[in-house]
N, C-alpha and C. Protein backbone atom coordinates (compact mmCIF):
# COMPACT_ATOMS: atom_id res chain seq x y z
N MET A 1 89.37 18.34 -27.46
CA MET A 1 89.92 16.72 -28.34
C MET A 1 90.76 17.53 -29.50
N PRO A 2 92.07 16.78 -29.46
CA PRO A 2 93.37 17.06 -30.59
C PRO A 2 92.75 16.83 -31.60
N PRO A 3 93.28 17.39 -32.89
CA PRO A 3 92.65 17.26 -34.33
C PRO A 3 92.35 15.37 -34.52
N PHE A 4 93.20 14.52 -34.12
CA PHE A 4 93.20 13.27 -34.66
C PHE A 4 91.78 12.62 -33.87
N PHE A 5 90.82 12.97 -33.14
CA PHE A 5 90.20 13.03 -32.35
C PHE A 5 88.83 13.89 -32.92
N ALA A 6 89.18 14.45 -33.76
CA ALA A 6 87.83 15.55 -34.57
C ALA A 6 86.51 14.82 -34.89
N HIS A 7 86.79 13.59 -35.46
CA HIS A 7 85.59 12.90 -35.99
C HIS A 7 84.73 12.41 -34.81
N GLU A 8 85.13 12.27 -33.20
CA GLU A 8 84.26 11.74 -32.45
C GLU A 8 83.14 12.61 -32.53
N PRO A 9 82.58 13.63 -32.36
CA PRO A 9 81.58 13.99 -32.29
C PRO A 9 80.34 13.44 -33.58
N ARG A 10 80.90 13.65 -34.71
CA ARG A 10 80.00 12.93 -35.95
C ARG A 10 79.85 11.72 -35.46
N VAL A 11 80.96 10.76 -35.25
CA VAL A 11 80.62 9.45 -34.78
C VAL A 11 79.42 9.46 -33.73
N ILE A 12 79.70 10.25 -32.74
CA ILE A 12 78.19 10.45 -31.53
C ILE A 12 76.97 10.46 -32.38
N THR A 13 77.23 11.48 -33.03
CA THR A 13 75.73 11.86 -33.59
C THR A 13 75.10 10.78 -34.80
N ALA A 14 75.70 9.81 -35.39
CA ALA A 14 75.64 9.10 -36.23
C ALA A 14 74.90 7.62 -35.30
N LEU A 15 75.55 7.65 -34.06
CA LEU A 15 75.39 6.44 -33.40
C LEU A 15 73.88 6.78 -32.58
N ALA A 16 73.40 8.06 -32.42
CA ALA A 16 72.32 8.74 -31.58
C ALA A 16 71.55 7.60 -31.59
N GLY A 17 71.13 7.03 -30.27
CA GLY A 17 69.82 6.76 -29.49
C GLY A 17 70.74 4.94 -29.83
N ARG A 18 71.68 4.51 -29.79
CA ARG A 18 71.93 3.85 -29.29
C ARG A 18 73.13 3.73 -27.85
N PRO A 19 73.49 2.93 -27.32
CA PRO A 19 74.29 2.80 -26.52
C PRO A 19 75.42 3.97 -26.22
N VAL A 20 75.47 4.94 -26.48
CA VAL A 20 76.60 5.90 -26.33
C VAL A 20 76.45 7.16 -26.04
N PRO A 21 77.18 8.01 -25.40
CA PRO A 21 77.02 9.05 -24.56
C PRO A 21 76.00 9.96 -25.63
N GLU A 22 75.18 11.17 -24.82
CA GLU A 22 74.61 12.01 -25.95
C GLU A 22 75.51 13.20 -25.91
N LEU A 23 75.28 13.72 -27.27
CA LEU A 23 76.06 14.90 -27.52
C LEU A 23 75.14 15.68 -27.39
N LEU A 24 75.76 17.10 -26.32
CA LEU A 24 75.14 18.10 -26.07
C LEU A 24 75.14 19.22 -27.26
N GLY A 25 76.53 19.09 -27.45
CA GLY A 25 76.77 20.09 -28.78
C GLY A 25 78.37 19.94 -28.95
N HIS A 26 78.86 20.50 -29.92
CA HIS A 26 80.21 20.73 -29.73
C HIS A 26 80.82 21.94 -30.87
N ASP A 27 81.66 22.22 -30.90
CA ASP A 27 82.49 23.68 -31.86
C ASP A 27 83.84 23.24 -31.55
N GLY A 28 84.53 23.03 -33.09
CA GLY A 28 85.55 22.58 -33.14
C GLY A 28 86.39 21.72 -32.54
N GLY A 29 87.22 22.15 -31.81
CA GLY A 29 87.90 21.33 -31.10
C GLY A 29 87.39 20.83 -29.30
N ARG A 30 85.79 21.31 -28.97
CA ARG A 30 85.45 21.05 -28.00
C ARG A 30 84.49 20.51 -28.01
N MET A 31 83.56 19.83 -27.09
CA MET A 31 82.83 18.80 -27.36
C MET A 31 82.09 18.46 -25.86
N LEU A 32 80.91 18.51 -25.25
CA LEU A 32 80.29 18.58 -24.29
C LEU A 32 79.19 17.29 -24.49
N LEU A 33 79.43 16.52 -23.37
CA LEU A 33 78.40 15.43 -22.96
C LEU A 33 77.59 15.38 -22.17
N ALA A 34 76.21 14.88 -22.44
CA ALA A 34 75.48 14.59 -21.01
C ALA A 34 76.13 13.98 -20.00
N GLU A 35 75.50 14.07 -18.71
CA GLU A 35 76.09 13.18 -17.58
C GLU A 35 75.98 11.68 -17.78
N ILE A 36 76.41 10.66 -17.51
CA ILE A 36 76.34 9.50 -17.80
C ILE A 36 76.04 8.92 -16.72
N ALA A 37 74.71 8.06 -16.22
CA ALA A 37 74.35 7.42 -14.79
C ALA A 37 75.36 6.28 -14.58
N GLY A 38 75.93 5.94 -13.42
CA GLY A 38 76.64 4.63 -13.23
C GLY A 38 78.18 5.23 -12.85
N GLU A 39 78.63 4.01 -12.89
CA GLU A 39 80.30 3.69 -12.84
C GLU A 39 80.88 3.20 -13.94
N ASP A 40 82.57 3.70 -13.86
CA ASP A 40 83.13 2.89 -14.90
C ASP A 40 83.31 1.16 -14.68
N MET A 41 83.31 0.64 -15.55
CA MET A 41 82.94 -0.74 -15.29
C MET A 41 84.49 -1.75 -15.59
N TYR A 42 85.63 -0.98 -14.95
CA TYR A 42 86.70 -1.43 -15.19
C TYR A 42 86.90 -2.77 -14.83
N GLU A 43 86.36 -3.40 -13.46
CA GLU A 43 86.22 -4.73 -12.86
C GLU A 43 84.84 -5.47 -13.11
N ALA A 44 84.13 -5.23 -14.05
CA ALA A 44 83.18 -5.69 -14.35
C ALA A 44 83.05 -7.53 -14.35
N PRO A 45 82.19 -8.09 -13.77
CA PRO A 45 82.28 -9.29 -13.66
C PRO A 45 81.90 -10.05 -15.23
N LEU A 46 81.74 -11.32 -15.32
CA LEU A 46 81.76 -11.96 -16.32
C LEU A 46 80.20 -11.70 -16.95
N PRO A 47 79.33 -12.04 -16.58
CA PRO A 47 78.17 -11.78 -17.54
C PRO A 47 77.87 -10.15 -17.61
N ARG A 48 78.72 -9.05 -16.87
CA ARG A 48 78.57 -7.70 -17.83
C ARG A 48 79.59 -7.66 -18.94
N LEU A 49 80.74 -8.46 -18.98
CA LEU A 49 81.56 -8.47 -20.35
C LEU A 49 81.03 -8.96 -21.67
N LEU A 50 79.78 -9.99 -21.00
CA LEU A 50 79.25 -10.69 -22.37
C LEU A 50 78.32 -9.90 -22.78
N GLU A 51 77.84 -8.75 -21.96
CA GLU A 51 77.12 -7.76 -22.28
C GLU A 51 77.25 -6.60 -23.21
N MET A 52 78.87 -6.52 -22.70
CA MET A 52 79.56 -5.18 -23.55
C MET A 52 79.75 -6.05 -24.62
N VAL A 53 80.51 -7.31 -25.32
CA VAL A 53 80.67 -7.89 -26.19
C VAL A 53 79.27 -7.70 -27.30
N THR A 54 78.20 -8.31 -26.57
CA THR A 54 76.81 -8.21 -27.38
C THR A 54 76.89 -6.99 -27.76
N LEU A 55 76.81 -5.95 -26.74
CA LEU A 55 76.72 -4.22 -27.18
C LEU A 55 77.67 -4.08 -28.55
N LEU A 56 78.91 -4.42 -28.79
CA LEU A 56 79.62 -4.21 -29.61
C LEU A 56 79.24 -4.49 -30.98
N VAL A 57 78.97 -6.07 -30.49
CA VAL A 57 78.82 -6.96 -32.23
C VAL A 57 77.72 -6.14 -32.67
N GLU A 58 76.45 -5.77 -31.86
CA GLU A 58 75.31 -5.29 -32.60
C GLU A 58 75.95 -4.12 -33.29
N LEU A 59 76.42 -3.20 -32.70
CA LEU A 59 76.74 -1.89 -33.44
C LEU A 59 77.44 -2.00 -34.39
N GLN A 60 78.54 -2.63 -34.59
CA GLN A 60 79.38 -3.30 -35.70
C GLN A 60 78.28 -3.45 -36.81
N SER A 61 77.72 -4.54 -36.46
CA SER A 61 76.65 -5.37 -37.30
C SER A 61 75.85 -4.26 -38.42
N SER A 62 75.50 -3.20 -37.52
CA SER A 62 74.74 -2.15 -38.12
C SER A 62 75.48 -1.30 -39.22
N TRP A 63 76.92 -1.40 -38.93
CA TRP A 63 77.41 -0.35 -39.86
C TRP A 63 78.52 -1.22 -41.06
N THR A 64 78.22 -2.67 -41.27
CA THR A 64 78.67 -3.43 -42.70
C THR A 64 77.78 -2.36 -43.68
N GLY A 65 78.65 -2.73 -44.62
CA GLY A 65 78.45 -1.95 -45.82
C GLY A 65 77.71 -0.72 -45.89
N ARG A 66 78.55 0.02 -45.00
CA ARG A 66 78.49 1.42 -44.90
C ARG A 66 79.52 2.35 -44.91
N VAL A 67 80.69 1.66 -45.40
CA VAL A 67 82.12 2.00 -45.12
C VAL A 67 82.03 3.61 -45.99
N ASP A 68 81.56 3.75 -46.88
CA ASP A 68 81.80 5.16 -47.47
C ASP A 68 80.89 6.29 -46.77
N GLN A 69 80.14 6.10 -45.72
CA GLN A 69 79.13 7.01 -44.75
C GLN A 69 80.20 7.18 -43.58
N LEU A 70 81.34 5.80 -43.04
CA LEU A 70 82.13 6.42 -42.07
C LEU A 70 82.87 7.03 -42.89
N ARG A 71 83.60 6.67 -44.30
CA ARG A 71 84.79 7.60 -44.40
C ARG A 71 84.67 9.31 -44.38
N SER A 72 82.85 9.26 -45.04
CA SER A 72 82.79 10.58 -44.84
C SER A 72 82.63 11.37 -43.69
N MET A 73 82.74 10.70 -42.45
CA MET A 73 82.98 11.57 -40.91
C MET A 73 84.15 11.83 -40.89
N GLY A 74 85.04 11.08 -41.31
CA GLY A 74 86.15 11.61 -41.30
C GLY A 74 87.28 10.14 -40.54
N LEU A 75 86.87 9.17 -40.25
CA LEU A 75 87.49 8.29 -39.82
C LEU A 75 88.75 7.42 -40.42
N PRO A 76 89.85 7.09 -39.80
CA PRO A 76 90.94 6.76 -40.62
C PRO A 76 90.78 4.99 -40.52
N ASP A 77 91.18 4.88 -41.60
CA ASP A 77 91.02 3.36 -42.76
C ASP A 77 92.24 2.61 -42.17
N TRP A 78 91.75 1.35 -41.69
CA TRP A 78 92.54 0.78 -41.06
C TRP A 78 92.65 -0.66 -41.59
N GLY A 79 92.21 -0.73 -42.73
CA GLY A 79 91.84 -1.71 -43.67
C GLY A 79 93.42 -2.48 -43.81
N GLY A 80 93.70 -3.50 -44.04
CA GLY A 80 94.90 -4.17 -44.35
C GLY A 80 96.02 -3.27 -44.94
N PRO A 81 96.07 -3.17 -46.31
CA PRO A 81 97.20 -2.09 -47.25
C PRO A 81 97.45 -1.03 -46.47
N ALA A 82 96.40 -0.11 -45.39
CA ALA A 82 96.57 0.99 -44.96
C ALA A 82 97.45 0.89 -44.02
N LEU A 83 97.39 -0.23 -43.11
CA LEU A 83 97.80 -0.38 -41.49
C LEU A 83 99.40 -1.07 -42.01
N ILE A 84 99.36 -2.30 -43.36
CA ILE A 84 100.83 -2.53 -43.05
C ILE A 84 101.79 -1.13 -43.60
N ALA A 85 101.19 -0.74 -44.58
CA ALA A 85 101.96 0.62 -44.82
C ALA A 85 102.07 1.79 -44.15
N ALA A 86 101.48 1.74 -43.03
CA ALA A 86 101.53 2.87 -41.73
C ALA A 86 102.62 2.34 -40.52
N ILE A 87 102.69 0.98 -40.46
CA ILE A 87 103.21 0.11 -39.77
C ILE A 87 104.84 -0.43 -40.10
N GLY A 88 104.75 -0.16 -41.54
CA GLY A 88 105.78 -0.41 -41.92
C GLY A 88 106.83 1.05 -41.74
N ASP A 89 106.29 1.94 -42.13
CA ASP A 89 106.40 3.30 -42.21
C ASP A 89 107.23 3.76 -40.52
N VAL A 90 106.50 3.41 -39.68
CA VAL A 90 106.79 3.46 -38.16
C VAL A 90 108.41 3.03 -38.16
N THR A 91 108.30 1.67 -38.32
CA THR A 91 109.23 0.68 -38.20
C THR A 91 110.70 1.07 -38.67
N GLU A 92 110.56 1.89 -40.12
CA GLU A 92 111.42 2.22 -40.57
C GLU A 92 112.40 3.73 -40.18
N ARG A 93 111.16 4.44 -39.35
CA ARG A 93 111.88 5.56 -39.02
C ARG A 93 112.38 5.36 -37.87
N ALA A 94 111.68 4.24 -36.83
CA ALA A 94 112.50 3.92 -35.95
C ALA A 94 113.62 3.18 -35.68
N SER A 95 113.91 2.42 -36.84
CA SER A 95 114.81 1.38 -36.88
C SER A 95 116.36 1.79 -36.04
N GLU A 96 116.75 3.03 -36.37
CA GLU A 96 118.05 3.29 -35.81
C GLU A 96 118.07 3.71 -34.31
N GLU A 97 116.68 3.66 -33.60
CA GLU A 97 116.51 4.14 -32.12
C GLU A 97 116.64 2.66 -31.35
N LEU A 98 116.06 1.24 -31.80
CA LEU A 98 115.80 0.30 -31.12
C LEU A 98 117.17 -0.72 -31.41
N PRO A 99 117.28 -1.17 -30.23
CA PRO A 99 118.02 -2.46 -30.39
C PRO A 99 117.96 -3.20 -31.34
N ARG A 100 119.10 -4.14 -31.89
CA ARG A 100 119.26 -4.86 -32.69
C ARG A 100 117.79 -6.09 -32.66
N ASN A 101 118.16 -6.88 -31.34
CA ASN A 101 117.01 -7.79 -31.35
C ASN A 101 115.53 -7.32 -31.33
N GLU A 102 115.46 -6.24 -30.91
CA GLU A 102 113.67 -5.61 -30.58
C GLU A 102 113.51 -5.10 -32.47
N LEU A 103 114.67 -4.63 -32.97
CA LEU A 103 114.37 -4.55 -34.55
C LEU A 103 114.04 -5.83 -35.26
N THR A 104 114.89 -6.89 -34.70
CA THR A 104 114.80 -7.86 -35.57
C THR A 104 113.23 -8.72 -35.46
N LEU A 105 112.82 -8.56 -34.35
CA LEU A 105 111.55 -8.89 -34.02
C LEU A 105 110.19 -8.39 -34.77
N LEU A 106 110.56 -7.29 -34.72
CA LEU A 106 109.58 -6.18 -35.09
C LEU A 106 109.35 -6.35 -36.98
N GLN A 107 110.70 -6.25 -37.51
CA GLN A 107 111.01 -6.62 -38.85
C GLN A 107 110.18 -7.93 -39.30
N ARG A 108 110.14 -9.06 -38.44
CA ARG A 108 109.34 -10.39 -38.75
C ARG A 108 108.18 -9.85 -38.59
N PHE A 109 107.61 -9.25 -37.69
CA PHE A 109 106.19 -8.94 -37.41
C PHE A 109 105.77 -8.30 -38.79
N VAL A 110 106.19 -7.28 -39.31
CA VAL A 110 105.91 -6.55 -40.37
C VAL A 110 106.35 -7.49 -41.50
N SER A 111 106.97 -8.18 -41.59
CA SER A 111 106.94 -9.19 -42.94
C SER A 111 105.85 -10.18 -43.09
N GLY A 112 105.14 -10.37 -41.84
CA GLY A 112 104.04 -11.08 -41.70
C GLY A 112 102.38 -10.54 -41.66
N LEU A 113 102.63 -9.41 -41.78
CA LEU A 113 101.26 -8.69 -41.82
C LEU A 113 100.57 -9.34 -43.25
N ALA A 114 100.93 -9.27 -43.87
CA ALA A 114 100.07 -9.32 -45.37
C ALA A 114 99.52 -10.90 -45.20
N ASP A 115 100.22 -12.00 -44.63
CA ASP A 115 99.88 -13.32 -44.34
C ASP A 115 98.19 -13.02 -43.35
N ARG A 116 99.10 -12.37 -42.16
CA ARG A 116 97.49 -12.43 -41.08
C ARG A 116 96.54 -11.51 -41.44
N PHE A 117 96.48 -10.35 -42.16
CA PHE A 117 95.08 -9.65 -43.02
C PHE A 117 94.78 -10.69 -44.24
N ALA A 118 95.68 -11.54 -44.73
CA ALA A 118 94.54 -12.71 -45.63
C ALA A 118 93.81 -13.58 -44.59
N ALA A 119 94.64 -13.92 -43.48
CA ALA A 119 93.77 -14.91 -43.02
C ALA A 119 92.72 -14.48 -42.35
N LEU A 120 92.42 -12.96 -41.54
CA LEU A 120 91.45 -12.20 -41.38
C LEU A 120 90.39 -11.89 -42.62
N GLU A 121 91.25 -11.77 -43.66
CA GLU A 121 89.91 -11.27 -44.86
C GLU A 121 89.28 -12.63 -45.19
N SER A 122 90.35 -13.63 -44.90
CA SER A 122 89.47 -15.07 -45.33
C SER A 122 88.18 -15.52 -44.33
N CYS A 123 87.74 -14.84 -43.35
CA CYS A 123 86.78 -14.70 -42.47
C CYS A 123 85.36 -14.49 -43.36
N GLY A 124 85.73 -13.82 -44.26
CA GLY A 124 84.34 -13.04 -45.00
C GLY A 124 83.87 -11.88 -44.76
N LEU A 125 84.36 -11.71 -43.52
CA LEU A 125 83.53 -10.49 -42.89
C LEU A 125 83.86 -8.89 -43.64
N PRO A 126 82.97 -8.26 -43.65
CA PRO A 126 83.33 -7.00 -44.56
C PRO A 126 83.72 -5.93 -43.30
N ASP A 127 84.69 -4.82 -43.95
CA ASP A 127 85.31 -3.79 -42.64
C ASP A 127 84.11 -3.31 -41.96
N THR A 128 83.97 -2.70 -41.14
CA THR A 128 82.58 -1.77 -40.36
C THR A 128 83.21 -0.81 -39.23
N LEU A 129 82.75 -0.61 -38.58
CA LEU A 129 83.22 0.40 -37.59
C LEU A 129 84.00 -0.17 -36.47
N VAL A 130 84.90 0.48 -36.12
CA VAL A 130 86.18 -0.29 -35.15
C VAL A 130 85.78 0.79 -33.80
N HIS A 131 85.70 -0.03 -32.86
CA HIS A 131 86.08 1.65 -31.64
C HIS A 131 87.24 2.00 -31.64
N GLY A 132 88.11 0.66 -31.33
CA GLY A 132 89.33 1.33 -31.41
C GLY A 132 90.22 1.42 -29.72
N ASP A 133 89.27 1.24 -29.03
CA ASP A 133 90.07 1.29 -27.44
C ASP A 133 88.81 0.54 -26.89
N LEU A 134 88.42 -0.58 -27.04
CA LEU A 134 87.26 -1.05 -26.37
C LEU A 134 88.03 -2.03 -25.21
N HIS A 135 87.71 -1.52 -24.16
CA HIS A 135 88.00 -2.62 -22.74
C HIS A 135 86.74 -2.31 -21.61
N PRO A 136 86.57 -2.80 -20.65
CA PRO A 136 85.68 -2.50 -19.81
C PRO A 136 85.57 -1.32 -19.22
N GLY A 137 87.06 -0.57 -19.12
CA GLY A 137 86.83 1.14 -18.15
C GLY A 137 85.93 1.98 -19.21
N ASN A 138 85.89 1.71 -20.38
CA ASN A 138 85.63 2.64 -21.45
C ASN A 138 83.94 2.49 -21.36
N PHE A 139 83.12 1.62 -20.90
CA PHE A 139 81.97 1.46 -20.82
C PHE A 139 81.63 1.88 -19.03
N ARG A 140 80.56 2.56 -19.03
CA ARG A 140 80.14 3.15 -17.94
C ARG A 140 78.50 2.74 -17.47
N GLY A 141 77.97 2.07 -16.49
CA GLY A 141 76.64 2.05 -16.83
C GLY A 141 76.35 1.76 -15.28
N THR A 142 74.97 1.20 -15.19
CA THR A 142 74.48 0.88 -13.95
C THR A 142 73.78 -0.74 -14.16
N GLU A 143 73.10 -1.42 -13.00
CA GLU A 143 72.94 -2.49 -13.04
C GLU A 143 71.86 -2.92 -14.15
N ARG A 144 71.01 -1.70 -14.94
CA ARG A 144 70.33 -2.29 -16.09
C ARG A 144 70.98 -1.09 -17.62
N THR A 145 72.17 -0.66 -17.22
CA THR A 145 72.64 -0.16 -18.30
C THR A 145 73.74 0.43 -18.90
N LEU A 146 74.03 -0.17 -19.75
CA LEU A 146 75.25 0.43 -20.53
C LEU A 146 75.82 1.31 -21.72
N THR A 147 76.81 1.94 -21.46
CA THR A 147 77.12 3.16 -22.32
C THR A 147 78.44 3.10 -22.55
N LEU A 148 78.68 2.88 -24.00
CA LEU A 148 80.05 2.59 -24.66
C LEU A 148 81.06 3.89 -24.82
N LEU A 149 82.01 4.85 -24.29
CA LEU A 149 82.32 5.74 -24.36
C LEU A 149 83.44 5.65 -25.33
N ASP A 150 83.98 6.73 -25.51
CA ASP A 150 85.76 6.96 -25.88
C ASP A 150 85.79 6.77 -27.43
N TRP A 151 85.02 7.48 -28.31
CA TRP A 151 84.74 7.07 -29.81
C TRP A 151 86.16 7.71 -30.40
N GLY A 152 86.80 8.92 -30.41
CA GLY A 152 87.56 9.52 -30.38
C GLY A 152 88.83 8.67 -31.29
N ASP A 153 88.82 7.09 -30.70
CA ASP A 153 89.86 6.59 -31.17
C ASP A 153 89.26 5.39 -32.51
N SER A 154 88.06 5.48 -32.37
CA SER A 154 87.73 4.89 -33.42
C SER A 154 88.02 5.25 -34.96
N GLY A 155 88.02 4.03 -35.87
CA GLY A 155 88.07 3.87 -37.33
C GLY A 155 87.46 3.20 -37.99
N ILE A 156 87.93 2.45 -38.93
CA ILE A 156 86.96 1.70 -40.60
C ILE A 156 87.99 0.57 -40.67
N GLY A 157 87.64 -0.87 -39.99
CA GLY A 157 88.84 -2.06 -40.45
C GLY A 157 87.55 -2.97 -40.17
N HIS A 158 88.62 -4.10 -39.90
CA HIS A 158 87.95 -5.70 -39.63
C HIS A 158 87.26 -5.79 -38.56
N PRO A 159 86.14 -5.83 -37.95
CA PRO A 159 85.53 -6.05 -36.73
C PRO A 159 86.32 -6.87 -35.52
N MET A 160 86.82 -7.62 -35.94
CA MET A 160 87.81 -8.60 -34.96
C MET A 160 89.36 -7.67 -34.27
N LEU A 161 89.36 -6.30 -34.99
CA LEU A 161 90.39 -5.93 -34.51
C LEU A 161 90.46 -5.20 -33.44
N THR A 162 88.69 -4.93 -33.11
CA THR A 162 88.62 -4.44 -31.63
C THR A 162 89.12 -5.62 -30.37
N SER A 163 88.79 -6.86 -30.95
CA SER A 163 88.86 -7.72 -29.67
C SER A 163 90.57 -7.90 -29.04
N ARG A 164 91.69 -7.46 -29.67
CA ARG A 164 92.75 -6.93 -29.25
C ARG A 164 93.01 -6.44 -27.69
N HIS A 165 92.15 -5.14 -27.67
CA HIS A 165 91.94 -4.24 -26.56
C HIS A 165 91.00 -4.93 -25.75
N PHE A 166 89.97 -5.74 -26.02
CA PHE A 166 89.08 -5.98 -24.53
C PHE A 166 89.62 -7.50 -24.23
N SER A 167 90.78 -8.30 -25.04
CA SER A 167 91.13 -8.99 -24.40
C SER A 167 92.63 -8.71 -23.23
N THR A 168 92.93 -7.99 -23.75
CA THR A 168 94.08 -7.47 -23.20
C THR A 168 93.46 -6.60 -21.82
N ALA A 169 92.63 -6.21 -21.55
CA ALA A 169 91.96 -5.67 -20.56
C ALA A 169 91.42 -6.71 -19.60
N SER A 170 91.03 -7.85 -20.09
CA SER A 170 90.26 -9.03 -19.48
C SER A 170 91.35 -10.20 -18.90
N HIS A 171 90.72 -10.74 -17.66
CA HIS A 171 91.73 -11.61 -17.42
C HIS A 171 91.64 -12.96 -18.52
N PRO A 172 92.36 -13.74 -18.80
CA PRO A 172 92.69 -14.53 -20.06
C PRO A 172 91.61 -15.60 -20.46
N SER A 173 90.95 -16.08 -18.64
CA SER A 173 89.81 -17.09 -18.92
C SER A 173 88.88 -16.37 -19.25
N THR A 174 88.53 -15.24 -18.60
CA THR A 174 87.29 -14.43 -18.81
C THR A 174 87.30 -13.86 -20.53
N TRP A 175 88.30 -13.74 -20.95
CA TRP A 175 88.43 -13.19 -22.29
C TRP A 175 87.96 -14.22 -23.36
N ARG A 176 88.53 -15.43 -23.09
CA ARG A 176 88.20 -16.64 -24.14
C ARG A 176 86.80 -17.03 -23.36
N ARG A 177 86.41 -16.99 -22.87
CA ARG A 177 85.00 -17.48 -22.70
C ARG A 177 84.12 -16.19 -23.25
N SER A 178 84.52 -15.10 -22.97
CA SER A 178 83.32 -13.89 -23.45
C SER A 178 83.50 -13.89 -25.14
N ARG A 179 84.71 -14.83 -25.26
CA ARG A 179 84.97 -14.44 -27.00
C ARG A 179 84.32 -15.18 -27.97
N SER A 180 84.11 -16.47 -27.06
CA SER A 180 83.36 -17.73 -27.47
C SER A 180 81.82 -17.76 -27.55
N THR A 181 81.24 -16.58 -25.95
CA THR A 181 80.09 -16.57 -26.47
C THR A 181 79.62 -15.47 -27.02
N GLY A 182 80.22 -14.55 -27.41
CA GLY A 182 80.10 -13.16 -27.81
C GLY A 182 80.45 -12.95 -29.15
N LEU A 183 81.54 -12.55 -29.35
CA LEU A 183 82.25 -12.16 -30.74
C LEU A 183 81.93 -13.41 -31.70
N ALA A 184 82.30 -14.51 -31.07
CA ALA A 184 82.36 -15.80 -31.93
C ALA A 184 80.81 -15.72 -32.47
N HIS A 185 79.88 -15.67 -31.60
CA HIS A 185 78.39 -15.52 -31.94
C HIS A 185 78.02 -14.64 -32.92
N GLY A 186 78.42 -13.45 -32.47
CA GLY A 186 78.07 -12.32 -33.64
C GLY A 186 78.95 -12.56 -34.87
N TRP A 187 80.31 -13.19 -34.94
CA TRP A 187 80.96 -13.18 -36.19
C TRP A 187 81.02 -14.66 -36.23
N PRO A 188 80.23 -15.36 -36.54
CA PRO A 188 80.47 -16.65 -36.84
C PRO A 188 81.58 -17.08 -37.97
N GLY A 189 82.30 -17.77 -38.03
CA GLY A 189 83.73 -18.19 -39.05
C GLY A 189 84.75 -17.41 -38.52
N CYS A 190 84.69 -16.43 -37.96
CA CYS A 190 86.01 -15.47 -37.30
C CYS A 190 86.77 -16.01 -36.20
N PRO A 191 86.21 -16.59 -35.46
CA PRO A 191 86.99 -17.17 -34.14
C PRO A 191 88.55 -17.73 -34.17
N ALA A 192 88.26 -18.35 -35.74
CA ALA A 192 89.87 -19.15 -35.99
C ALA A 192 90.71 -18.23 -36.11
N ALA A 193 90.57 -17.43 -36.49
CA ALA A 193 91.59 -15.84 -36.83
C ALA A 193 91.82 -14.82 -35.90
N SER A 194 91.13 -15.17 -34.87
CA SER A 194 91.27 -14.01 -33.91
C SER A 194 92.49 -13.99 -32.84
N PRO A 195 92.85 -15.03 -32.86
CA PRO A 195 94.48 -15.08 -32.46
C PRO A 195 95.34 -14.02 -33.09
N LEU A 196 95.23 -13.60 -34.51
CA LEU A 196 96.09 -12.94 -35.13
C LEU A 196 96.04 -11.03 -34.58
N VAL A 197 94.89 -10.94 -33.76
CA VAL A 197 94.37 -9.82 -33.84
C VAL A 197 94.36 -9.39 -32.20
N ARG A 198 95.10 -10.32 -31.30
CA ARG A 198 94.96 -10.09 -29.72
C ARG A 198 96.45 -10.83 -29.36
N PRO A 199 96.75 -10.10 -28.52
CA PRO A 199 98.27 -10.45 -27.56
C PRO A 199 98.33 -12.20 -27.38
N ALA A 200 99.71 -12.75 -27.21
CA ALA A 200 99.62 -13.86 -26.88
C ALA A 200 99.48 -14.11 -25.56
N SER A 201 99.46 -13.01 -24.57
CA SER A 201 99.35 -13.03 -23.12
C SER A 201 98.43 -11.81 -23.06
N SER A 202 97.49 -11.94 -22.03
CA SER A 202 96.66 -10.98 -21.51
C SER A 202 97.12 -10.27 -20.18
N ARG A 203 97.05 -9.15 -19.75
CA ARG A 203 96.94 -8.77 -18.30
C ARG A 203 96.10 -7.64 -18.23
N PRO A 204 95.39 -7.74 -17.07
CA PRO A 204 94.50 -6.86 -16.53
C PRO A 204 94.81 -5.52 -16.88
N LEU A 205 93.72 -4.77 -17.03
CA LEU A 205 94.56 -3.10 -17.47
C LEU A 205 93.84 -2.48 -15.99
N PRO A 206 94.98 -1.85 -15.71
CA PRO A 206 94.79 -1.42 -14.18
C PRO A 206 94.16 -0.14 -13.73
N ARG A 207 93.48 0.21 -13.11
CA ARG A 207 92.54 1.47 -13.12
C ARG A 207 93.49 2.73 -12.71
N PRO A 208 92.47 3.85 -13.14
CA PRO A 208 93.50 4.85 -12.58
C PRO A 208 93.59 4.86 -10.93
N GLY A 209 95.12 5.26 -11.15
CA GLY A 209 95.44 5.44 -9.85
C GLY A 209 96.13 4.30 -9.25
N ARG A 210 95.84 2.98 -9.68
CA ARG A 210 96.51 1.81 -9.44
C ARG A 210 97.92 1.63 -10.23
N PRO A 211 98.92 1.03 -9.70
CA PRO A 211 100.22 0.65 -10.72
C PRO A 211 99.79 -0.52 -11.35
């Protein structure tokens, strides 16, 4: 594991007993996980996508009010102020390398971030555990089981931040239904703000080896 994924074994250990990989051991940048039965769920049908959303919401709900514990495990801060500062810094450093039209669009986006995060905060949901790379291919399972993989990208932030990755990986109509019956059910009051954290359009995520 690279240093910026170093918190992954600590997260998996904290989630032991939940639908996450079984950690057999870790030492420095090395981590050994138990074999996970089944197959990767890149092309999961709608019922399985709904199960994934429900699984995620249950995990996130269990970590609300425990941000200090997440910080102690070394998870990065993805709260509004931290993200706004980080995105602004990247924009400034890359400004001379971008075409003017792209830079203008990016700067306009950055200038609106404070309002976007204020709208998210108005949902009334506390920061919690965010997976960071949620898409069907990071689930592995059988007809009866699901395991959520790849916790190296996890952080601390608004629970709806995860929806952006899931929406990109799913067909738009499938995403809308899974959101309305899953995330919307798990996080009442937040669906109205969910467009703030997902792209305007979505394309299916390609499987490895497929263009």
